[in-house]
Amino acid sequence: MDMVANLFLRAKHWQIFVLLVGVGFVGDVVVIVSSISATARSPQDFGKIGLPFGFVVALFMFFFLGWFWSMGSFLNSIVQPSLRPKVGFFRFALVYPGLYIFLFIALFQISTTSPALLLVIFPLHFLAMFCMFYDLYFVSKSLVLAETSKPVSFYDYAGPFFLMWFFPIGVWFTQPRINRLYAERKNAEPSTRVAPG
C-alpha cells in the first residue's frame, strides 16, 4: 500500500465526508456564485464557467475514485485467494471515468454548437456509468468477502452496494468497516523493528 491509500483507509468517516462533499458541493457553489457575479458584468463571461466547473468535477472524481481505488485494492488484498475477484476490469473501471470526465467536459462545450456529437457522448457516458456501478459492485462485494471469508451473493452485499451508491450517507456506515479491517490487518502484521541489542 502506498501513502495515499493509507490516508484513505485510515481516514475517519467524517473526514471522507468532508473531503468529498467539501470538494463537490462547496466547489460547485463557489463556481456558480462566481459565475452569477460574472454574468452581471457581461453575458460573454458566463461561458467561462465551463473550465472552473470542469476543474471542480475533475477534482471531485479524483478524490472519489481514489477512495474507491484504496478500498478496492486493500479489500481485494485481504480476501482469501480462492474468493478474490479479478482486478483487471476494476482497474479499467477506475481509470476510464477519471479520463472520460475531461473528454465529456470538452465535448459538452462543443456539443452545444454540434448536436451530432451527442451521438458520441451517449455511448461513452453509459460506459462511464457502467464503470462506476462496477466499482460499487467490486468494493461492496470485496468488503463482505473480507469480513465473512465465504462466498457471497448479491443479497449479502446489497447493503454496502446501495450505501456506497448514496455515498454522502453511506460513507458514515462503510468507512468505519474499512477502518476496522485496516486496523486488524495492521495489528496482525509482524513488527519489522529490530530489538536493540
C-alpha atoms as a PDB file:
ATOM      1  CA  MET A   1       0.000   0.000   0.000  1.00  0.00           C
ATOM      2  CA  ASP A   2       1.209   3.428  -0.712  1.00  0.00           C
ATOM      3  CA  MET A   3       0.819   6.595   1.301  1.00  0.00           C
ATOM      4  CA  VAL A   4      -2.340   7.836  -0.479  1.00  0.00           C
ATOM      5  CA  ALA A   5      -4.141   4.529   0.018  1.00  0.00           C
ATOM      6  CA  ASN A   6      -3.142   4.504   3.696  1.00  0.00           C
ATOM      7  CA  LEU A   7      -4.562   8.013   4.130  1.00  0.00           C
ATOM      8  CA  PHE A   8      -7.914   6.985   2.663  1.00  0.00           C
ATOM      9  CA  LEU A   9      -8.017   3.716   4.613  1.00  0.00           C
ATOM     10  CA  ARG A  10      -7.166   5.351   7.952  1.00  0.00           C
ATOM     11  CA  ALA A  11      -9.404   8.368   7.421  1.00  0.00           C
ATOM     12  CA  LYS A  12     -12.472   8.568   9.616  1.00  0.00           C
ATOM     13  CA  HIS A  13     -15.924   8.642   8.072  1.00  0.00           C
ATOM     14  CA  TRP A  14     -16.358  12.353   8.737  1.00  0.00           C
ATOM     15  CA  GLN A  15     -13.021  13.139   7.058  1.00  0.00           C
ATOM     16  CA  ILE A  16     -14.017  11.313   3.864  1.00  0.00           C
ATOM     17  CA  PHE A  17     -17.414  13.029   4.006  1.00  0.00           C
ATOM     18  CA  VAL A  18     -15.862  16.483   4.426  1.00  0.00           C
ATOM     19  CA  LEU A  19     -13.356  15.835   1.636  1.00  0.00           C
ATOM     20  CA  LEU A  20     -15.879  14.585  -0.915  1.00  0.00           C
ATOM     21  CA  VAL A  21     -18.787  16.850  -0.054  1.00  0.00           C
ATOM     22  CA  GLY A  22     -16.464  19.786   0.522  1.00  0.00           C
ATOM     23  CA  VAL A  23     -14.829  19.477  -2.876  1.00  0.00           C
ATOM     24  CA  GLY A  24     -18.004  18.537  -4.724  1.00  0.00           C
ATOM     25  CA  PHE A  25     -20.719  20.686  -3.191  1.00  0.00           C
ATOM     26  CA  VAL A  26     -18.779  23.662  -1.878  1.00  0.00           C
ATOM     27  CA  GLY A  27     -16.650  23.819  -5.031  1.00  0.00           C
ATOM     28  CA  ASP A  28     -19.755  23.844  -7.238  1.00  0.00           C
ATOM     29  CA  VAL A  29     -21.405  26.549  -5.122  1.00  0.00           C
ATOM     30  CA  VAL A  30     -18.311  28.744  -5.353  1.00  0.00           C
ATOM     31  CA  VAL A  31     -18.168  28.312  -9.143  1.00  0.00           C
ATOM     32  CA  ILE A  32     -21.883  29.047  -9.566  1.00  0.00           C
ATOM     33  CA  VAL A  33     -21.820  32.107  -7.292  1.00  0.00           C
ATOM     34  CA  SER A  34     -18.768  33.485  -9.077  1.00  0.00           C
ATOM     35  CA  SER A  35     -20.416  32.851 -12.455  1.00  0.00           C
ATOM     36  CA  ILE A  36     -23.566  34.709 -11.377  1.00  0.00           C
ATOM     37  CA  SER A  37     -21.461  37.711 -10.470  1.00  0.00           C
ATOM     38  CA  ALA A  38     -19.661  37.365 -13.824  1.00  0.00           C
ATOM     39  CA  THR A  39     -22.932  37.371 -15.783  1.00  0.00           C
ATOM     40  CA  ALA A  40     -23.866  40.594 -14.072  1.00  0.00           C
ATOM     41  CA  ARG A  41     -20.823  42.151 -15.733  1.00  0.00           C
ATOM     42  CA  SER A  42     -21.026  40.522 -19.163  1.00  0.00           C
ATOM     43  CA  PRO A  43     -23.076  37.696 -20.725  1.00  0.00           C
ATOM     44  CA  GLN A  44     -19.952  36.505 -22.593  1.00  0.00           C
ATOM     45  CA  ASP A  45     -18.261  35.764 -19.266  1.00  0.00           C
ATOM     46  CA  PHE A  46     -20.945  33.183 -18.458  1.00  0.00           C
ATOM     47  CA  GLY A  47     -19.367  30.801 -20.992  1.00  0.00           C
ATOM     48  CA  LYS A  48     -16.212  30.764 -18.907  1.00  0.00           C
ATOM     49  CA  ILE A  49     -17.950  28.752 -16.163  1.00  0.00           C
ATOM     50  CA  GLY A  50     -17.145  25.518 -18.007  1.00  0.00           C
ATOM     51  CA  LEU A  51     -13.458  25.468 -17.122  1.00  0.00           C
ATOM     52  CA  PRO A  52     -13.752  26.105 -13.345  1.00  0.00           C
ATOM     53  CA  PHE A  53     -16.776  23.815 -13.103  1.00  0.00           C
ATOM     54  CA  GLY A  54     -14.890  21.125 -15.010  1.00  0.00           C
ATOM     55  CA  PHE A  55     -11.918  21.536 -12.683  1.00  0.00           C
ATOM     56  CA  VAL A  56     -14.124  21.070  -9.602  1.00  0.00           C
ATOM     57  CA  VAL A  57     -15.800  17.995 -11.110  1.00  0.00           C
ATOM     58  CA  ALA A  58     -12.439  16.502 -12.099  1.00  0.00           C
ATOM     59  CA  LEU A  59     -11.034  17.141  -8.611  1.00  0.00           C
ATOM     60  CA  PHE A  60     -14.077  15.520  -7.017  1.00  0.00           C
ATOM     61  CA  MET A  61     -13.732  12.493  -9.342  1.00  0.00           C
ATOM     62  CA  PHE A  62     -10.037  12.230  -8.475  1.00  0.00           C
ATOM     63  CA  PHE A  63     -10.787  12.028  -4.734  1.00  0.00           C
ATOM     64  CA  PHE A  64     -13.863   9.810  -5.176  1.00  0.00           C
ATOM     65  CA  LEU A  65     -12.084   7.320  -7.433  1.00  0.00           C
ATOM     66  CA  GLY A  66      -9.004   7.472  -5.187  1.00  0.00           C
ATOM     67  CA  TRP A  67     -11.179   6.443  -2.257  1.00  0.00           C
ATOM     68  CA  PHE A  68     -12.638   3.549  -4.273  1.00  0.00           C
ATOM     69  CA  TRP A  69      -9.191   2.506  -5.525  1.00  0.00           C
ATOM     70  CA  SER A  70      -7.866   2.478  -1.956  1.00  0.00           C
ATOM     71  CA  MET A  71     -10.786   0.448  -0.647  1.00  0.00           C
ATOM     72  CA  GLY A  72     -10.903  -1.974  -3.584  1.00  0.00           C
ATOM     73  CA  SER A  73      -7.153  -2.640  -3.646  1.00  0.00           C
ATOM     74  CA  PHE A  74      -6.935  -3.120   0.109  1.00  0.00           C
ATOM     75  CA  LEU A  75     -10.024  -5.297   0.407  1.00  0.00           C
ATOM     76  CA  ASN A  76      -9.008  -7.434  -2.544  1.00  0.00           C
ATOM     77  CA  SER A  77      -5.598  -7.998  -0.962  1.00  0.00           C
ATOM     78  CA  ILE A  78      -7.096  -9.379   2.263  1.00  0.00           C
ATOM     79  CA  VAL A  79      -9.771 -11.600   0.664  1.00  0.00           C
ATOM     80  CA  GLN A  80      -8.861 -15.296   0.535  1.00  0.00           C
ATOM     81  CA  PRO A  81      -7.263 -16.050  -2.852  1.00  0.00           C
ATOM     82  CA  SER A  82      -9.940 -18.617  -3.760  1.00  0.00           C
ATOM     83  CA  LEU A  83     -12.700 -15.999  -3.270  1.00  0.00           C
ATOM     84  CA  ARG A  84     -10.815 -12.976  -4.597  1.00  0.00           C
ATOM     85  CA  PRO A  85     -12.483 -11.168  -7.526  1.00  0.00           C
ATOM     86  CA  LYS A  86     -10.260 -10.406 -10.505  1.00  0.00           C
ATOM     87  CA  VAL A  87      -8.940  -6.845 -10.509  1.00  0.00           C
ATOM     88  CA  GLY A  88      -8.379  -6.331 -14.250  1.00  0.00           C
ATOM     89  CA  PHE A  89     -11.702  -4.719 -15.108  1.00  0.00           C
ATOM     90  CA  PHE A  90     -11.811  -2.955 -11.736  1.00  0.00           C
ATOM     91  CA  ARG A  91      -8.640  -1.084 -12.673  1.00  0.00           C
ATOM     92  CA  PHE A  92     -10.117  -0.109 -16.042  1.00  0.00           C
ATOM     93  CA  ALA A  93     -13.386   0.879 -14.335  1.00  0.00           C
ATOM     94  CA  LEU A  94     -11.440   3.251 -12.080  1.00  0.00           C
ATOM     95  CA  VAL A  95      -9.326   4.843 -14.788  1.00  0.00           C
ATOM     96  CA  TYR A  96     -11.957   5.268 -17.513  1.00  0.00           C
ATOM     97  CA  PRO A  97     -14.395   7.586 -15.632  1.00  0.00           C
ATOM     98  CA  GLY A  98     -11.478   9.722 -14.499  1.00  0.00           C
ATOM     99  CA  LEU A  99     -10.304  10.178 -18.078  1.00  0.00           C
ATOM    100  CA  TYR A 100     -13.801  10.392 -19.510  1.00  0.00           C
ATOM    101  CA  ILE A 101     -14.744  13.394 -17.378  1.00  0.00           C
ATOM    102  CA  PHE A 102     -12.200  15.520 -19.244  1.00  0.00           C
ATOM    103  CA  LEU A 103     -13.484  14.298 -22.605  1.00  0.00           C
ATOM    104  CA  PHE A 104     -17.077  14.889 -21.516  1.00  0.00           C
ATOM    105  CA  ILE A 105     -16.391  18.473 -20.478  1.00  0.00           C
ATOM    106  CA  ALA A 106     -14.626  19.201 -23.772  1.00  0.00           C
ATOM    107  CA  LEU A 107     -17.283  17.509 -25.922  1.00  0.00           C
ATOM    108  CA  PHE A 108     -20.142  19.049 -23.965  1.00  0.00           C
ATOM    109  CA  GLN A 109     -18.798  22.528 -24.647  1.00  0.00           C
ATOM    110  CA  ILE A 110     -18.658  21.704 -28.376  1.00  0.00           C
ATOM    111  CA  SER A 111     -21.971  19.780 -28.491  1.00  0.00           C
ATOM    112  CA  THR A 112     -23.931  22.951 -27.862  1.00  0.00           C
ATOM    113  CA  THR A 113     -22.939  24.003 -31.382  1.00  0.00           C
ATOM    114  CA  SER A 114     -22.875  20.490 -32.899  1.00  0.00           C
ATOM    115  CA  PRO A 115     -25.707  18.214 -31.717  1.00  0.00           C
ATOM    116  CA  ALA A 116     -24.251  15.294 -33.706  1.00  0.00           C
ATOM    117  CA  LEU A 117     -21.553  14.989 -31.041  1.00  0.00           C
ATOM    118  CA  LEU A 118     -24.247  13.818 -28.625  1.00  0.00           C
ATOM    119  CA  LEU A 119     -24.194  10.534 -30.550  1.00  0.00           C
ATOM    120  CA  VAL A 120     -20.554  10.174 -29.494  1.00  0.00           C
ATOM    121  CA  ILE A 121     -21.149  11.285 -25.915  1.00  0.00           C
ATOM    122  CA  PHE A 122     -24.016   8.887 -25.105  1.00  0.00           C
ATOM    123  CA  PRO A 123     -22.193   5.534 -25.504  1.00  0.00           C
ATOM    124  CA  LEU A 124     -19.085   6.892 -23.786  1.00  0.00           C
ATOM    125  CA  HIS A 125     -21.226   8.251 -20.972  1.00  0.00           C
ATOM    126  CA  PHE A 126     -23.050   4.949 -20.491  1.00  0.00           C
ATOM    127  CA  LEU A 127     -19.714   3.128 -20.354  1.00  0.00           C
ATOM    128  CA  ALA A 128     -18.554   5.541 -17.648  1.00  0.00           C
ATOM    129  CA  MET A 129     -21.778   4.932 -15.707  1.00  0.00           C
ATOM    130  CA  PHE A 130     -21.326   1.162 -16.053  1.00  0.00           C
ATOM    131  CA  CYS A 131     -17.754   1.507 -14.774  1.00  0.00           C
ATOM    132  CA  MET A 132     -18.940   3.451 -11.729  1.00  0.00           C
ATOM    133  CA  PHE A 133     -21.521   0.751 -10.935  1.00  0.00           C
ATOM    134  CA  TYR A 134     -18.850  -1.910 -11.385  1.00  0.00           C
ATOM    135  CA  ASP A 135     -16.650  -0.052  -8.895  1.00  0.00           C
ATOM    136  CA  LEU A 136     -19.543  -0.081  -6.413  1.00  0.00           C
ATOM    137  CA  TYR A 137     -20.061  -3.801  -7.032  1.00  0.00           C
ATOM    138  CA  PHE A 138     -16.370  -4.667  -6.687  1.00  0.00           C
ATOM    139  CA  VAL A 139     -15.794  -2.736  -3.463  1.00  0.00           C
ATOM    140  CA  SER A 140     -19.038  -3.798  -1.765  1.00  0.00           C
ATOM    141  CA  LYS A 141     -18.536  -7.455  -2.659  1.00  0.00           C
ATOM    142  CA  SER A 142     -14.878  -7.356  -1.577  1.00  0.00           C
ATOM    143  CA  LEU A 143     -15.891  -5.726   1.715  1.00  0.00           C
ATOM    144  CA  VAL A 144     -18.304  -8.530   2.574  1.00  0.00           C
ATOM    145  CA  LEU A 145     -15.876 -11.203   1.334  1.00  0.00           C
ATOM    146  CA  ALA A 146     -13.151  -9.752   3.571  1.00  0.00           C
ATOM    147  CA  GLU A 147     -15.475  -9.700   6.573  1.00  0.00           C
ATOM    148  CA  THR A 148     -17.038 -13.143   6.135  1.00  0.00           C
ATOM    149  CA  SER A 149     -14.352 -15.188   4.307  1.00  0.00           C
ATOM    150  CA  LYS A 150     -17.037 -17.172   2.485  1.00  0.00           C
ATOM    151  CA  PRO A 151     -18.770 -16.933  -0.912  1.00  0.00           C
ATOM    152  CA  VAL A 152     -21.461 -14.262  -1.063  1.00  0.00           C
ATOM    153  CA  SER A 153     -24.471 -13.449  -3.220  1.00  0.00           C
ATOM    154  CA  PHE A 154     -25.777 -10.004  -4.171  1.00  0.00           C
ATOM    155  CA  TYR A 155     -28.221 -10.246  -1.270  1.00  0.00           C
ATOM    156  CA  ASP A 156     -25.235 -10.375   1.115  1.00  0.00           C
ATOM    157  CA  TYR A 157     -23.525  -7.240  -0.227  1.00  0.00           C
ATOM    158  CA  ALA A 158     -26.570  -5.268  -1.410  1.00  0.00           C
ATOM    159  CA  GLY A 159     -26.467  -3.136   1.761  1.00  0.00           C
ATOM    160  CA  PRO A 160     -22.910  -1.849   1.238  1.00  0.00           C
ATOM    161  CA  PHE A 161     -23.589  -1.506  -2.510  1.00  0.00           C
ATOM    162  CA  PHE A 162     -26.543   0.833  -2.039  1.00  0.00           C
ATOM    163  CA  LEU A 163     -24.899   2.672   0.850  1.00  0.00           C
ATOM    164  CA  MET A 164     -21.874   3.469  -1.307  1.00  0.00           C
ATOM    165  CA  TRP A 165     -24.129   4.403  -4.217  1.00  0.00           C
ATOM    166  CA  PHE A 166     -25.624   7.088  -1.980  1.00  0.00           C
ATOM    167  CA  PHE A 167     -22.172   7.905  -0.646  1.00  0.00           C
ATOM    168  CA  PRO A 168     -22.920  11.039   1.332  1.00  0.00           C
ATOM    169  CA  ILE A 169     -24.935   8.801   3.636  1.00  0.00           C
ATOM    170  CA  GLY A 170     -23.126   5.519   3.052  1.00  0.00           C
ATOM    171  CA  VAL A 171     -19.680   6.823   3.912  1.00  0.00           C
ATOM    172  CA  TRP A 172     -20.832   7.060   7.554  1.00  0.00           C
ATOM    173  CA  PHE A 173     -21.508   3.300   7.575  1.00  0.00           C
ATOM    174  CA  THR A 174     -18.905   1.963   5.155  1.00  0.00           C
ATOM    175  CA  GLN A 175     -15.752   3.778   6.246  1.00  0.00           C
ATOM    176  CA  PRO A 176     -15.849   2.501   9.871  1.00  0.00           C
ATOM    177  CA  ARG A 177     -15.909  -1.055   8.498  1.00  0.00           C
ATOM    178  CA  ILE A 178     -12.897  -0.242   6.320  1.00  0.00           C
ATOM    179  CA  ASN A 179     -11.141   1.338   9.325  1.00  0.00           C
ATOM    180  CA  ARG A 180     -11.758  -1.785  11.409  1.00  0.00           C
ATOM    181  CA  LEU A 181     -10.428  -4.157   8.723  1.00  0.00           C
ATOM    182  CA  TYR A 182      -7.426  -1.911   8.135  1.00  0.00           C
ATOM    183  CA  ALA A 183      -6.630  -1.758  11.862  1.00  0.00           C
ATOM    184  CA  GLU A 184      -6.974  -5.549  12.168  1.00  0.00           C
ATOM    185  CA  ARG A 185      -4.628  -6.016   9.228  1.00  0.00           C
ATOM    186  CA  LYS A 186      -2.053  -3.601  10.639  1.00  0.00           C
ATOM    187  CA  ASN A 187      -2.198  -5.256  14.071  1.00  0.00           C
ATOM    188  CA  ALA A 188      -1.773  -8.713  12.523  1.00  0.00           C
ATOM    189  CA  GLU A 189       1.373  -7.722  10.585  1.00  0.00           C
ATOM    190  CA  PRO A 190       4.608  -8.770  12.283  1.00  0.00           C
ATOM    191  CA  SER A 191       6.731  -5.945  13.529  1.00  0.00           C
ATOM    192  CA  THR A 192       9.783  -5.236  11.374  1.00  0.00           C
ATOM    193  CA  ARG A 193      11.659  -3.336  14.066  1.00  0.00           C
ATOM    194  CA  VAL A 194      14.916  -4.768  15.257  1.00  0.00           C
ATOM    195  CA  ALA A 195      15.194  -5.084  19.008  1.00  0.00           C
ATOM    196  CA  PRO A 196      18.054  -3.087  20.499  1.00  0.00           C
ATOM    197  CA  GLY A 197      20.926  -5.366  21.349  1.00  0.00           C
END
